Amino acid sequence: MFTGPQSRHRRWLVWLTAWLCAALWLPLAVRAQSGSAGSFPQVQAKCVLSFMSFTTWPETTPGDAETPVQRVIGVLGDDFGALALEELVAARPPDALPAIIVRRIRQSDDLVGCDVLVVGDGYDGAKWNASLNLLRDKPVLTIGAGRVFAQRHGLVGLYLADARLRFAVNFKRVEASGLRLSSRLLGLAEIVEE
């Protein structure tokens, strides 16, 4: 598919992302076991931005010179996660592309225009499950907690196994959404189905 320096650069980014997520998760797990407040929102925020860099939306193709002007990340049921994402995005260089907007989701109308949706444990399933199901065939990268999230509602579920951050991907749903995830990223994922 890709050859030359671009391929090496992407390979390096995939492995760096996986290593970074795993390296950041281990201290978090130790802190969580000792009862102190962990930094899961910061780890999750970094993973969300990493997943975005390995996702191709339908309006772009790999290798395109044009980068979208902006991407919108919606955060549902996770104010700490929204704050961590806002801080991470604010720390990016001002001219970084795509520009990223973090939007806290309060009602279903707020989902319109989201490229990524991060679903925290604090969301009300009775209220939001119908809206999440409507996103199944839309090009929205939905990320939540646990492999069950990937099986029932979204595309990617983050979970802890053997003191490491892992992620599950519902590949059939990814295909139906029109999104494309890097094959190298998929190679690190647990593939799940409904």
Protein backbone atom coordinates (compact mmCIF):
# COMPACT_ATOMS: atom_id res chain seq x y z
CA MET A 1 0.00 0.00 0.00
CA PHE A 2 2.49 2.66 1.15
CA THR A 3 6.17 2.47 0.46
CA GLY A 4 9.15 4.58 1.28
CA PRO A 5 9.47 7.23 3.98
CA GLN A 6 5.72 7.74 4.40
CA SER A 7 5.23 4.05 5.23
CA ARG A 8 8.07 4.07 7.74
CA HIS A 9 6.67 7.21 9.33
CA ARG A 10 3.20 5.64 9.72
CA ARG A 11 4.68 2.42 11.12
CA TRP A 12 6.69 4.43 13.62
CA LEU A 13 3.58 6.41 14.65
CA VAL A 14 1.51 3.25 15.18
CA TRP A 15 4.14 1.63 17.39
CA LEU A 16 4.80 4.88 19.26
CA THR A 17 1.06 5.26 19.91
CA ALA A 18 0.71 1.70 21.19
CA TRP A 19 3.77 2.02 23.39
CA LEU A 20 2.70 5.42 24.72
CA CYS A 21 -0.80 4.21 25.59
CA ALA A 22 0.60 1.11 27.31
CA ALA A 23 3.32 3.06 29.14
CA LEU A 24 0.86 5.65 30.39
CA TRP A 25 -1.74 3.10 31.47
CA LEU A 26 0.54 1.04 33.75
CA PRO A 27 1.26 3.85 36.25
CA LEU A 28 -2.44 4.70 36.17
CA ALA A 29 -3.38 1.13 37.07
CA VAL A 30 -0.90 1.13 39.97
CA ARG A 31 -2.29 4.45 41.26
CA ALA A 32 -5.87 3.19 40.92
CA GLN A 33 -5.02 0.09 42.96
CA SER A 34 -3.45 2.22 45.69
CA GLY A 35 -6.65 4.29 45.92
CA SER A 36 -5.28 7.62 44.70
CA ALA A 37 -6.93 9.59 41.92
CA GLY A 38 -5.77 8.35 38.55
CA SER A 39 -5.21 10.20 35.31
CA PHE A 40 -7.39 8.02 33.08
CA PRO A 41 -8.92 11.07 31.37
CA GLN A 42 -5.47 12.25 30.21
CA VAL A 43 -4.55 8.77 28.97
CA GLN A 44 -7.88 8.44 27.19
CA ALA A 45 -7.51 11.89 25.61
CA LYS A 46 -4.09 10.99 24.19
CA CYS A 47 -5.45 7.72 22.84
CA VAL A 48 -8.41 9.49 21.22
CA LEU A 49 -6.08 11.87 19.36
CA SER A 50 -3.87 8.94 18.36
CA PHE A 51 -6.83 6.96 17.01
CA MET A 52 -7.87 10.02 15.02
CA SER A 53 -4.47 10.17 13.32
CA PHE A 54 -4.93 6.57 12.11
CA THR A 55 -8.50 7.04 10.89
CA THR A 56 -9.50 8.01 7.36
CA TRP A 57 -12.90 9.62 6.94
CA PRO A 58 -14.85 9.06 3.70
CA GLU A 59 -14.13 12.57 2.35
CA THR A 60 -10.38 11.90 2.41
CA THR A 61 -8.17 9.09 1.16
CA PRO A 62 -4.79 7.95 2.43
CA GLY A 63 -2.04 10.04 0.92
CA ASP A 64 -4.26 13.04 0.20
CA ALA A 65 -2.36 16.29 0.36
CA GLU A 66 -5.43 18.05 1.70
CA THR A 67 -6.01 17.85 5.43
CA PRO A 68 -9.48 18.70 6.70
CA VAL A 69 -9.68 22.14 8.24
CA GLN A 70 -11.24 20.87 11.47
CA ARG A 71 -12.49 17.81 13.32
CA VAL A 72 -15.12 17.90 16.06
CA ILE A 73 -14.81 15.60 19.09
CA GLY A 74 -18.03 15.19 21.05
CA VAL A 75 -17.80 14.00 24.64
CA LEU A 76 -20.86 12.38 26.23
CA GLY A 77 -21.16 11.61 29.95
CA ASP A 78 -17.55 12.36 30.85
CA ASP A 79 -16.79 15.91 32.00
CA PHE A 80 -13.30 14.90 33.20
CA GLY A 81 -12.58 13.40 29.78
CA ALA A 82 -13.85 16.55 28.06
CA LEU A 83 -11.61 18.70 30.25
CA ALA A 84 -8.57 16.48 29.52
CA LEU A 85 -9.25 16.68 25.78
CA GLU A 86 -9.71 20.46 25.95
CA GLU A 87 -6.36 20.82 27.76
CA LEU A 88 -4.58 18.54 25.30
CA VAL A 89 -6.05 20.33 22.28
CA ALA A 90 -5.16 23.74 23.78
CA ALA A 91 -1.54 22.57 24.09
CA ARG A 92 -1.29 21.83 20.35
CA PRO A 93 0.51 24.36 18.15
CA PRO A 94 -1.92 27.05 16.98
CA ASP A 95 -1.35 26.20 13.30
CA ALA A 96 -1.75 22.41 13.73
CA LEU A 97 -4.14 20.81 11.25
CA PRO A 98 -6.76 19.70 11.48
CA ALA A 99 -8.02 22.14 14.07
CA ILE A 100 -9.83 20.21 16.78
CA ILE A 101 -12.96 21.40 18.55
CA VAL A 102 -14.13 19.62 21.72
CA ARG A 103 -17.88 19.74 22.26
CA ARG A 104 -19.64 18.54 25.42
CA ILE A 105 -22.75 16.65 24.39
CA ARG A 106 -25.87 17.52 26.39
CA GLN A 107 -28.67 16.68 23.95
CA SER A 108 -28.99 14.59 20.79
CA ASP A 109 -28.86 17.68 18.54
CA ASP A 110 -25.28 18.24 19.76
CA LEU A 111 -24.22 15.05 17.94
CA VAL A 112 -24.69 16.71 14.53
CA GLY A 113 -21.31 17.47 12.99
CA CYS A 114 -19.24 15.28 15.34
CA ASP A 115 -16.41 13.37 13.69
CA VAL A 116 -15.51 11.56 16.92
CA LEU A 117 -17.73 10.71 19.88
CA VAL A 118 -16.16 9.75 23.21
CA VAL A 119 -18.72 8.06 25.47
CA GLY A 120 -17.94 8.01 29.19
CA ASP A 121 -19.38 5.74 31.84
CA GLY A 122 -21.57 8.62 33.06
CA TYR A 123 -23.92 8.59 30.08
CA ASP A 124 -27.57 7.63 30.65
CA GLY A 125 -28.09 4.52 28.53
CA ALA A 126 -31.87 4.79 28.53
CA LYS A 127 -31.62 8.29 27.09
CA TRP A 128 -28.71 7.86 24.68
CA ASN A 129 -28.73 4.29 23.33
CA ALA A 130 -31.15 5.15 20.52
CA SER A 131 -28.93 8.08 19.45
CA LEU A 132 -25.81 5.88 19.57
CA ASN A 133 -27.57 3.29 17.41
CA LEU A 134 -28.36 5.99 14.84
CA LEU A 135 -24.61 6.67 14.52
CA ARG A 136 -23.81 3.05 13.58
CA ASP A 137 -23.80 3.71 9.83
CA LYS A 138 -22.42 7.25 10.04
CA PRO A 139 -18.74 8.20 9.65
CA VAL A 140 -18.33 8.96 13.36
CA LEU A 141 -15.48 7.34 15.30
CA THR A 142 -17.24 6.25 18.52
CA ILE A 143 -14.95 5.39 21.44
CA GLY A 144 -16.08 4.15 24.84
CA ALA A 145 -15.02 2.11 27.86
CA GLY A 146 -14.79 -1.66 27.62
CA ARG A 147 -14.97 -4.22 24.86
CA VAL A 148 -18.73 -4.42 25.50
CA PHE A 149 -19.02 -0.86 24.19
CA ALA A 150 -17.52 -1.97 20.86
CA GLN A 151 -19.82 -4.99 20.77
CA ARG A 152 -23.05 -3.12 21.54
CA HIS A 153 -22.80 0.54 20.66
CA GLY A 154 -19.61 1.88 19.15
CA LEU A 155 -16.55 1.21 17.08
CA VAL A 156 -13.72 1.20 19.65
CA GLY A 157 -13.76 0.07 23.28
CA LEU A 158 -10.82 0.78 25.61
CA TYR A 159 -10.15 -1.68 28.43
CA LEU A 160 -7.45 -2.78 30.86
CA ALA A 161 -5.99 -6.31 30.61
CA ASP A 162 -2.81 -7.56 32.27
CA ALA A 163 -2.10 -4.01 33.49
CA ARG A 164 -2.06 -2.71 29.92
CA LEU A 165 -4.40 -0.57 27.92
CA ARG A 166 -6.04 -2.61 25.19
CA PHE A 167 -8.70 -1.77 22.68
CA ALA A 168 -11.40 -3.69 20.90
CA VAL A 169 -12.69 -2.76 17.45
CA ASN A 170 -15.98 -3.76 15.90
CA PHE A 171 -14.63 -4.15 12.37
CA LYS A 172 -17.98 -4.82 10.69
CA ARG A 173 -19.35 -1.62 12.15
CA VAL A 174 -16.22 0.30 11.08
CA GLU A 175 -16.79 -0.88 7.50
CA ALA A 176 -20.49 0.07 7.64
CA SER A 177 -19.60 3.57 8.90
CA GLY A 178 -17.41 4.35 5.89
CA LEU A 179 -14.40 5.02 8.11
CA ARG A 180 -11.10 3.27 7.50
CA LEU A 181 -8.72 2.43 10.31
CA SER A 182 -5.06 1.82 9.60
CA SER A 183 -4.30 -1.88 9.15
CA ARG A 184 -1.42 -1.50 11.57
CA LEU A 185 -3.79 -0.10 14.20
CA LEU A 186 -6.21 -2.96 13.55
CA GLY A 187 -3.32 -5.38 13.98
CA LEU A 188 -3.00 -4.22 17.59
CA ALA A 189 -6.74 -4.46 18.31
CA GLU A 190 -9.00 -7.23 19.50
CA ILE A 191 -11.66 -7.61 16.79
CA VAL A 192 -15.14 -8.08 18.26
CA GLU A 193 -18.64 -8.55 16.86
CA GLU A 194 -22.15 -7.95 18.17
